[in-house]
Amino acid sequence: MIGQLTGAGAGERHAEIILDSYNKLLGRPLLEREERDSAAESLFQADMVVLSHGTQADPVLNYGNRAALSLWEMDWEAFTRIESRHTAEPMIQAERQRFLEAVARQGYIEDYSGIRISGSGRRFRIEEAVVWNLYDEAGAYYGQAAAFAHYTFADGRENL
């Protein structure tokens, strides 16, 4: 599946930046994988939700793994064209912006929770998320990423 995706977040390099930045900032791996395994494929197929956005003034999503695309009810092309602020309801966007600024200052934040909205309008609460800064091989700021395994839909149904 990952071979069919296009754009900045589709390749091995982007997956390595996500994984390496997490490991450097938090001191532990985001996911366990064999050395021979492709970072891009391992990250895309992971059970946890992983997404990232770029460095634009109004950051655009540039990555969502299989679990993220399913949760947000979008395909890769749609997901990687939207500003990340549109994953939250308008009344929550100011709170989300303050949170992202705190992540930028501190490097990462663990145990984040908040309400998000899917492409079809379904509301869900993400729980125990880690949000961290991304840095490329030269140490330049590359964006931010988030990962979480727990969420609850507004109708009370939890993920398994």
N, C-alpha and C. Protein backbone atom coordinates (compact mmCIF):
# COMPACT_ATOMS: atom_id res chain seq x y z
N MET A 1 0.82 -1.20 0.00
CA MET A 1 0.00 0.00 0.00
C MET A 1 0.85 1.26 0.00
N ILE A 2 1.90 1.31 0.81
CA ILE A 2 2.70 2.53 0.94
C ILE A 2 3.33 2.91 -0.39
N GLY A 3 3.65 1.96 -1.25
CA GLY A 3 4.26 2.24 -2.53
C GLY A 3 3.36 3.02 -3.47
N GLN A 4 2.05 3.00 -3.25
CA GLN A 4 1.09 3.69 -4.09
C GLN A 4 0.86 5.14 -3.65
N LEU A 5 1.38 5.54 -2.52
CA LEU A 5 1.14 6.87 -1.98
C LEU A 5 2.14 7.86 -2.54
N THR A 6 1.72 9.13 -2.64
CA THR A 6 2.59 10.17 -3.17
C THR A 6 2.63 11.35 -2.21
N GLY A 7 3.62 12.21 -2.39
CA GLY A 7 3.73 13.42 -1.58
C GLY A 7 4.87 13.34 -0.59
N ALA A 8 5.07 14.44 0.13
CA ALA A 8 6.20 14.58 1.05
C ALA A 8 6.25 13.49 2.11
N GLY A 9 5.10 13.07 2.61
CA GLY A 9 5.07 12.11 3.70
C GLY A 9 5.07 10.66 3.28
N ALA A 10 5.10 10.38 1.98
CA ALA A 10 4.90 9.01 1.51
C ALA A 10 6.14 8.13 1.58
N GLY A 11 7.30 8.68 1.71
CA GLY A 11 8.51 7.89 1.56
C GLY A 11 9.16 7.41 2.83
N GLU A 12 10.21 6.66 2.62
CA GLU A 12 11.00 6.09 3.71
C GLU A 12 11.61 7.19 4.58
N ARG A 13 12.09 8.27 3.94
CA ARG A 13 12.73 9.36 4.69
C ARG A 13 11.76 9.96 5.71
N HIS A 14 10.54 10.24 5.31
CA HIS A 14 9.57 10.85 6.22
C HIS A 14 9.29 9.92 7.40
N ALA A 15 9.12 8.65 7.11
CA ALA A 15 8.87 7.67 8.18
C ALA A 15 10.06 7.63 9.15
N GLU A 16 11.27 7.65 8.62
CA GLU A 16 12.46 7.65 9.47
C GLU A 16 12.52 8.91 10.34
N ILE A 17 12.14 10.06 9.78
CA ILE A 17 12.13 11.31 10.56
C ILE A 17 11.12 11.20 11.70
N ILE A 18 9.94 10.67 11.43
CA ILE A 18 8.93 10.49 12.48
C ILE A 18 9.49 9.58 13.58
N LEU A 19 10.02 8.43 13.19
CA LEU A 19 10.51 7.46 14.17
C LEU A 19 11.74 7.96 14.91
N ASP A 20 12.69 8.54 14.19
CA ASP A 20 13.92 9.02 14.83
C ASP A 20 13.66 10.19 15.77
N SER A 21 12.79 11.12 15.37
CA SER A 21 12.49 12.28 16.22
C SER A 21 11.83 11.82 17.52
N TYR A 22 10.91 10.88 17.42
CA TYR A 22 10.24 10.34 18.61
C TYR A 22 11.28 9.71 19.54
N ASN A 23 12.12 8.87 18.98
CA ASN A 23 13.12 8.16 19.78
C ASN A 23 14.08 9.14 20.46
N LYS A 24 14.53 10.15 19.75
CA LYS A 24 15.47 11.12 20.32
C LYS A 24 14.82 11.96 21.41
N LEU A 25 13.59 12.40 21.20
CA LEU A 25 12.93 13.27 22.17
C LEU A 25 12.41 12.52 23.39
N LEU A 26 11.87 11.32 23.18
CA LEU A 26 11.25 10.59 24.28
C LEU A 26 12.14 9.49 24.85
N GLY A 27 13.23 9.16 24.17
CA GLY A 27 14.16 8.16 24.67
C GLY A 27 13.67 6.73 24.57
N ARG A 28 12.73 6.49 23.70
CA ARG A 28 12.22 5.14 23.47
C ARG A 28 11.64 5.08 22.05
N PRO A 29 11.55 3.88 21.48
CA PRO A 29 11.01 3.78 20.12
C PRO A 29 9.49 3.94 20.10
N LEU A 30 8.99 4.50 19.03
CA LEU A 30 7.54 4.61 18.83
C LEU A 30 6.94 3.24 18.60
N LEU A 31 7.64 2.43 17.82
CA LEU A 31 7.18 1.06 17.57
C LEU A 31 8.39 0.15 17.41
N GLU A 32 8.17 -1.09 17.73
CA GLU A 32 9.23 -2.09 17.60
C GLU A 32 9.20 -2.62 16.17
N ARG A 33 10.38 -2.72 15.57
CA ARG A 33 10.46 -3.29 14.24
C ARG A 33 11.84 -3.90 14.05
N GLU A 34 11.89 -4.85 13.15
CA GLU A 34 13.16 -5.48 12.81
C GLU A 34 13.98 -4.51 11.97
N GLU A 35 15.27 -4.56 12.11
CA GLU A 35 16.18 -3.67 11.37
C GLU A 35 15.95 -3.75 9.86
N ARG A 36 15.62 -4.92 9.37
CA ARG A 36 15.44 -5.12 7.93
C ARG A 36 14.10 -4.59 7.43
N ASP A 37 13.16 -4.30 8.34
CA ASP A 37 11.83 -3.85 7.94
C ASP A 37 11.87 -2.41 7.45
N SER A 38 11.08 -2.12 6.46
CA SER A 38 10.93 -0.76 5.95
C SER A 38 10.26 0.11 7.01
N ALA A 39 10.85 1.26 7.31
CA ALA A 39 10.23 2.19 8.27
C ALA A 39 8.87 2.65 7.75
N ALA A 40 8.80 2.95 6.45
CA ALA A 40 7.55 3.44 5.87
C ALA A 40 6.44 2.40 5.99
N GLU A 41 6.74 1.17 5.65
CA GLU A 41 5.73 0.12 5.71
C GLU A 41 5.34 -0.19 7.15
N SER A 42 6.31 -0.28 8.05
CA SER A 42 6.03 -0.56 9.46
C SER A 42 5.15 0.52 10.07
N LEU A 43 5.46 1.77 9.80
CA LEU A 43 4.69 2.88 10.35
C LEU A 43 3.29 2.92 9.75
N PHE A 44 3.19 2.70 8.44
CA PHE A 44 1.88 2.76 7.79
C PHE A 44 0.97 1.65 8.29
N GLN A 45 1.50 0.48 8.56
CA GLN A 45 0.70 -0.67 8.99
C GLN A 45 0.51 -0.75 10.50
N ALA A 46 1.11 0.15 11.26
CA ALA A 46 1.01 0.10 12.72
C ALA A 46 -0.45 0.19 13.17
N ASP A 47 -0.76 -0.47 14.28
CA ASP A 47 -2.12 -0.44 14.82
C ASP A 47 -2.47 0.91 15.41
N MET A 48 -1.48 1.62 15.96
CA MET A 48 -1.76 2.94 16.54
C MET A 48 -1.95 3.96 15.42
N VAL A 49 -2.63 5.04 15.73
CA VAL A 49 -2.83 6.14 14.80
C VAL A 49 -1.57 7.02 14.81
N VAL A 50 -1.03 7.32 13.63
CA VAL A 50 0.13 8.21 13.51
C VAL A 50 -0.16 9.19 12.37
N LEU A 51 0.05 10.47 12.65
CA LEU A 51 -0.14 11.50 11.63
C LEU A 51 0.88 12.60 11.84
N SER A 52 1.10 13.41 10.79
CA SER A 52 2.03 14.52 10.91
C SER A 52 1.61 15.66 10.01
N HIS A 53 2.14 16.85 10.34
CA HIS A 53 1.94 18.00 9.46
C HIS A 53 3.28 18.70 9.26
N GLY A 54 3.31 19.55 8.23
CA GLY A 54 4.53 20.25 7.86
C GLY A 54 4.75 21.53 8.63
N THR A 55 5.56 22.40 8.06
CA THR A 55 6.02 23.61 8.74
C THR A 55 5.34 24.89 8.24
N GLN A 56 4.32 24.77 7.42
CA GLN A 56 3.64 25.95 6.90
C GLN A 56 3.05 26.78 8.04
N ALA A 57 2.77 28.06 7.76
CA ALA A 57 2.13 28.93 8.76
C ALA A 57 0.80 28.32 9.21
N ASP A 58 0.06 27.74 8.30
CA ASP A 58 -1.17 27.00 8.58
C ASP A 58 -0.88 25.57 8.15
N PRO A 59 -0.27 24.76 9.04
CA PRO A 59 0.29 23.47 8.64
C PRO A 59 -0.72 22.53 7.97
N VAL A 60 -0.25 21.90 6.91
CA VAL A 60 -1.03 20.94 6.15
C VAL A 60 -0.59 19.53 6.55
N LEU A 61 -1.55 18.65 6.75
CA LEU A 61 -1.21 17.25 7.04
C LEU A 61 -0.39 16.69 5.89
N ASN A 62 0.68 16.00 6.21
CA ASN A 62 1.50 15.39 5.17
C ASN A 62 1.68 13.89 5.37
N TYR A 63 1.06 13.35 6.42
CA TYR A 63 1.16 11.92 6.66
C TYR A 63 0.01 11.45 7.53
N GLY A 64 -0.52 10.31 7.20
CA GLY A 64 -1.47 9.59 8.04
C GLY A 64 -1.31 8.12 7.73
N ASN A 65 -1.12 7.32 8.75
CA ASN A 65 -0.98 5.89 8.48
C ASN A 65 -2.37 5.27 8.26
N ARG A 66 -2.38 3.97 8.01
CA ARG A 66 -3.63 3.27 7.72
C ARG A 66 -4.68 3.52 8.80
N ALA A 67 -4.27 3.46 10.06
CA ALA A 67 -5.21 3.66 11.17
C ALA A 67 -5.75 5.09 11.19
N ALA A 68 -4.91 6.08 10.87
CA ALA A 68 -5.35 7.48 10.83
C ALA A 68 -6.34 7.70 9.70
N LEU A 69 -6.04 7.16 8.53
CA LEU A 69 -6.94 7.33 7.39
C LEU A 69 -8.30 6.71 7.68
N SER A 70 -8.31 5.57 8.32
CA SER A 70 -9.56 4.91 8.68
C SER A 70 -10.34 5.73 9.70
N LEU A 71 -9.67 6.20 10.73
CA LEU A 71 -10.34 6.97 11.78
C LEU A 71 -10.91 8.27 11.24
N TRP A 72 -10.15 8.97 10.42
CA TRP A 72 -10.63 10.24 9.86
C TRP A 72 -11.52 10.04 8.64
N GLU A 73 -11.71 8.78 8.23
CA GLU A 73 -12.59 8.45 7.11
C GLU A 73 -12.22 9.21 5.84
N MET A 74 -10.94 9.16 5.51
CA MET A 74 -10.43 9.83 4.30
C MET A 74 -9.42 8.93 3.62
N ASP A 75 -9.22 9.16 2.32
CA ASP A 75 -8.12 8.50 1.65
C ASP A 75 -6.88 9.38 1.76
N TRP A 76 -5.74 8.85 1.33
CA TRP A 76 -4.46 9.56 1.45
C TRP A 76 -4.51 10.93 0.79
N GLU A 77 -5.04 10.99 -0.43
CA GLU A 77 -5.05 12.25 -1.18
C GLU A 77 -5.83 13.33 -0.44
N ALA A 78 -6.99 12.99 0.09
CA ALA A 78 -7.81 13.98 0.82
C ALA A 78 -7.14 14.37 2.13
N PHE A 79 -6.63 13.38 2.85
CA PHE A 79 -6.03 13.62 4.17
C PHE A 79 -4.82 14.53 4.07
N THR A 80 -3.99 14.33 3.06
CA THR A 80 -2.75 15.10 2.95
C THR A 80 -2.93 16.43 2.22
N ARG A 81 -4.17 16.86 2.05
CA ARG A 81 -4.44 18.17 1.46
C ARG A 81 -5.06 19.14 2.46
N ILE A 82 -5.44 18.66 3.64
CA ILE A 82 -6.15 19.54 4.56
C ILE A 82 -5.22 20.15 5.60
N GLU A 83 -5.56 21.37 6.01
CA GLU A 83 -4.82 22.00 7.10
C GLU A 83 -5.12 21.21 8.36
N SER A 84 -4.11 21.00 9.17
CA SER A 84 -4.31 20.16 10.35
C SER A 84 -5.32 20.76 11.31
N ARG A 85 -5.48 22.09 11.30
CA ARG A 85 -6.48 22.70 12.20
C ARG A 85 -7.89 22.23 11.88
N HIS A 86 -8.12 21.79 10.65
CA HIS A 86 -9.46 21.33 10.28
C HIS A 86 -9.78 19.94 10.81
N THR A 87 -8.85 19.33 11.55
CA THR A 87 -9.16 18.06 12.20
C THR A 87 -9.86 18.30 13.54
N ALA A 88 -9.92 19.57 13.96
CA ALA A 88 -10.63 19.95 15.19
C ALA A 88 -11.81 20.83 14.82
N GLU A 89 -12.83 20.83 15.67
CA GLU A 89 -13.97 21.70 15.43
C GLU A 89 -13.54 23.16 15.59
N PRO A 90 -14.19 24.09 14.87
CA PRO A 90 -13.78 25.50 14.91
C PRO A 90 -13.66 26.09 16.32
N MET A 91 -14.57 25.77 17.21
CA MET A 91 -14.52 26.35 18.55
C MET A 91 -13.34 25.81 19.37
N ILE A 92 -12.74 24.74 18.92
CA ILE A 92 -11.63 24.13 19.65
C ILE A 92 -10.29 24.52 19.03
N GLN A 93 -10.30 25.16 17.89
CA GLN A 93 -9.06 25.44 17.16
C GLN A 93 -8.11 26.35 17.92
N ALA A 94 -8.61 27.35 18.65
CA ALA A 94 -7.72 28.24 19.41
C ALA A 94 -7.00 27.45 20.51
N GLU A 95 -7.73 26.57 21.19
CA GLU A 95 -7.12 25.72 22.21
C GLU A 95 -6.06 24.80 21.59
N ARG A 96 -6.37 24.25 20.42
CA ARG A 96 -5.44 23.38 19.72
C ARG A 96 -4.17 24.15 19.34
N GLN A 97 -4.32 25.39 18.89
CA GLN A 97 -3.16 26.20 18.50
C GLN A 97 -2.25 26.46 19.70
N ARG A 98 -2.83 26.78 20.85
CA ARG A 98 -2.03 27.00 22.07
C ARG A 98 -1.26 25.73 22.44
N PHE A 99 -1.92 24.60 22.31
CA PHE A 99 -1.30 23.33 22.60
C PHE A 99 -0.11 23.07 21.67
N LEU A 100 -0.28 23.28 20.37
CA LEU A 100 0.80 23.05 19.41
C LEU A 100 1.98 23.98 19.65
N GLU A 101 1.70 25.20 20.08
CA GLU A 101 2.78 26.13 20.42
C GLU A 101 3.56 25.64 21.63
N ALA A 102 2.87 25.04 22.59
CA ALA A 102 3.54 24.47 23.77
C ALA A 102 4.43 23.30 23.35
N VAL A 103 3.95 22.46 22.43
CA VAL A 103 4.76 21.35 21.92
C VAL A 103 6.01 21.90 21.24
N ALA A 104 5.84 22.95 20.44
CA ALA A 104 6.98 23.55 19.73
C ALA A 104 8.05 24.02 20.72
N ARG A 105 7.62 24.59 21.84
CA ARG A 105 8.57 25.08 22.85
C ARG A 105 9.23 23.94 23.61
N GLN A 106 8.45 22.94 23.99
CA GLN A 106 8.93 21.88 24.89
C GLN A 106 9.50 20.67 24.17
N GLY A 107 9.21 20.50 22.90
CA GLY A 107 9.69 19.35 22.14
C GLY A 107 8.67 18.25 22.00
N TYR A 108 7.93 17.96 23.05
CA TYR A 108 6.87 16.96 22.99
C TYR A 108 5.97 17.11 24.21
N ILE A 109 4.79 16.53 24.10
CA ILE A 109 3.85 16.45 25.22
C ILE A 109 3.23 15.07 25.18
N GLU A 110 3.18 14.43 26.33
CA GLU A 110 2.54 13.12 26.44
C GLU A 110 1.18 13.26 27.10
N ASP A 111 0.36 12.26 26.91
CA ASP A 111 -0.94 12.17 27.57
C ASP A 111 -1.90 13.29 27.19
N TYR A 112 -1.88 13.68 25.92
CA TYR A 112 -2.81 14.69 25.42
C TYR A 112 -4.15 14.04 25.10
N SER A 113 -5.22 14.75 25.34
CA SER A 113 -6.54 14.30 24.89
C SER A 113 -7.29 15.50 24.33
N GLY A 114 -8.17 15.24 23.40
CA GLY A 114 -8.94 16.31 22.80
C GLY A 114 -9.95 15.78 21.80
N ILE A 115 -10.91 16.61 21.46
CA ILE A 115 -11.96 16.25 20.51
C ILE A 115 -11.49 16.54 19.09
N ARG A 116 -11.73 15.61 18.20
CA ARG A 116 -11.42 15.77 16.79
C ARG A 116 -12.65 15.41 15.97
N ILE A 117 -12.59 15.72 14.68
CA ILE A 117 -13.73 15.47 13.81
C ILE A 117 -13.24 14.80 12.53
N SER A 118 -13.95 13.77 12.11
CA SER A 118 -13.55 13.02 10.91
C SER A 118 -14.03 13.73 9.65
N GLY A 119 -13.65 13.19 8.53
CA GLY A 119 -14.06 13.74 7.24
C GLY A 119 -15.57 13.74 7.04
N SER A 120 -16.26 12.80 7.67
CA SER A 120 -17.72 12.73 7.53
C SER A 120 -18.44 13.51 8.63
N GLY A 121 -17.67 14.12 9.54
CA GLY A 121 -18.28 14.90 10.62
C GLY A 121 -18.43 14.16 11.93
N ARG A 122 -17.99 12.91 12.01
CA ARG A 122 -18.06 12.17 13.28
C ARG A 122 -17.07 12.74 14.27
N ARG A 123 -17.55 12.99 15.48
CA ARG A 123 -16.69 13.50 16.54
C ARG A 123 -16.12 12.34 17.34
N PHE A 124 -14.85 12.48 17.73
CA PHE A 124 -14.23 11.47 18.58
C PHE A 124 -13.21 12.15 19.47
N ARG A 125 -12.99 11.54 20.61
CA ARG A 125 -12.03 12.05 21.59
C ARG A 125 -10.78 11.19 21.52
N ILE A 126 -9.64 11.82 21.23
CA ILE A 126 -8.38 11.09 21.28
C ILE A 126 -7.87 11.14 22.72
N GLU A 127 -7.24 10.06 23.13
CA GLU A 127 -6.80 9.94 24.52
C GLU A 127 -5.37 9.41 24.56
N GLU A 128 -4.61 9.91 25.54
CA GLU A 128 -3.24 9.45 25.77
C GLU A 128 -2.35 9.62 24.54
N ALA A 129 -2.54 10.70 23.82
CA ALA A 129 -1.73 10.95 22.62
C ALA A 129 -0.39 11.56 23.00
N VAL A 130 0.61 11.24 22.20
CA VAL A 130 1.91 11.89 22.28
C VAL A 130 2.02 12.77 21.04
N VAL A 131 2.39 14.02 21.24
CA VAL A 131 2.62 14.96 20.13
C VAL A 131 4.05 15.45 20.26
N TRP A 132 4.81 15.40 19.17
CA TRP A 132 6.22 15.76 19.25
C TRP A 132 6.66 16.50 17.99
N ASN A 133 7.75 17.24 18.16
CA ASN A 133 8.36 17.96 17.04
C ASN A 133 9.15 16.98 16.18
N LEU A 134 9.19 17.28 14.90
CA LEU A 134 9.98 16.50 13.96
C LEU A 134 11.20 17.31 13.54
N TYR A 135 12.34 16.64 13.47
CA TYR A 135 13.59 17.26 13.02
C TYR A 135 14.22 16.36 11.97
N ASP A 136 14.71 16.96 10.89
CA ASP A 136 15.35 16.17 9.84
C ASP A 136 16.76 15.75 10.25
N GLU A 137 17.46 15.12 9.33
CA GLU A 137 18.79 14.58 9.60
C GLU A 137 19.79 15.66 10.02
N ALA A 138 19.58 16.89 9.54
CA ALA A 138 20.49 18.00 9.86
C ALA A 138 20.06 18.74 11.12
N GLY A 139 18.97 18.31 11.74
CA GLY A 139 18.48 18.95 12.95
C GLY A 139 17.54 20.11 12.69
N ALA A 140 17.14 20.31 11.44
CA ALA A 140 16.21 21.40 11.10
C ALA A 140 14.78 20.99 11.45
N TYR A 141 14.01 21.94 11.95
CA TYR A 141 12.61 21.69 12.28
C TYR A 141 11.87 21.24 11.02
N TYR A 142 11.07 20.18 11.13
CA TYR A 142 10.44 19.53 9.99
C TYR A 142 8.92 19.44 10.12
N GLY A 143 8.38 19.80 11.28
CA GLY A 143 6.94 19.72 11.51
C GLY A 143 6.64 19.09 12.86
N GLN A 144 5.43 18.56 12.98
CA GLN A 144 5.02 17.89 14.21
C GLN A 144 4.27 16.62 13.86
N ALA A 145 4.29 15.67 14.78
CA ALA A 145 3.59 14.40 14.60
C ALA A 145 2.83 14.08 15.87
N ALA A 146 1.86 13.20 15.73
CA ALA A 146 1.07 12.72 16.87
C ALA A 146 0.84 11.23 16.71
N ALA A 147 0.74 10.55 17.83
CA ALA A 147 0.43 9.12 17.83
C ALA A 147 -0.45 8.81 19.03
N PHE A 148 -1.42 7.95 18.80
CA PHE A 148 -2.28 7.51 19.90
C PHE A 148 -2.95 6.20 19.51
N ALA A 149 -3.31 5.43 20.51
CA ALA A 149 -3.98 4.16 20.29
C ALA A 149 -5.40 4.16 20.82
N HIS A 150 -5.73 5.15 21.64
CA HIS A 150 -7.04 5.16 22.29
C HIS A 150 -7.88 6.35 21.84
N TYR A 151 -9.12 6.05 21.50
CA TYR A 151 -10.08 7.10 21.16
C TYR A 151 -11.49 6.58 21.41
N THR A 152 -12.40 7.50 21.63
CA THR A 152 -13.79 7.17 21.88
C THR A 152 -14.65 8.04 20.98
N PHE A 153 -15.57 7.44 20.27
CA PHE A 153 -16.49 8.21 19.43
C PHE A 153 -17.51 8.92 20.31
N ALA A 154 -18.06 10.02 19.82
CA ALA A 154 -19.03 10.81 20.58
C ALA A 154 -20.24 9.98 20.98
N ASP A 155 -20.52 8.92 20.23
CA ASP A 155 -21.65 8.05 20.58
C ASP A 155 -21.29 7.07 21.70
N GLY A 156 -20.05 7.19 22.22
CA GLY A 156 -19.63 6.36 23.34
C GLY A 156 -18.91 5.08 22.95
N ARG A 157 -18.89 4.76 21.66
CA ARG A 157 -18.23 3.54 21.20
C ARG A 157 -16.72 3.72 21.23
N GLU A 158 -16.02 2.81 21.88
CA GLU A 158 -14.56 2.88 21.98
C GLU A 158 -13.93 2.04 20.89
N ASN A 159 -12.70 2.42 20.53
CA ASN A 159 -11.95 1.58 19.60
C ASN A 159 -11.49 0.33 20.33
N LEU A 160 -11.19 -0.70 19.57
CA LEU A 160 -10.73 -1.96 20.17
C LEU A 160 -9.25 -2.13 19.97
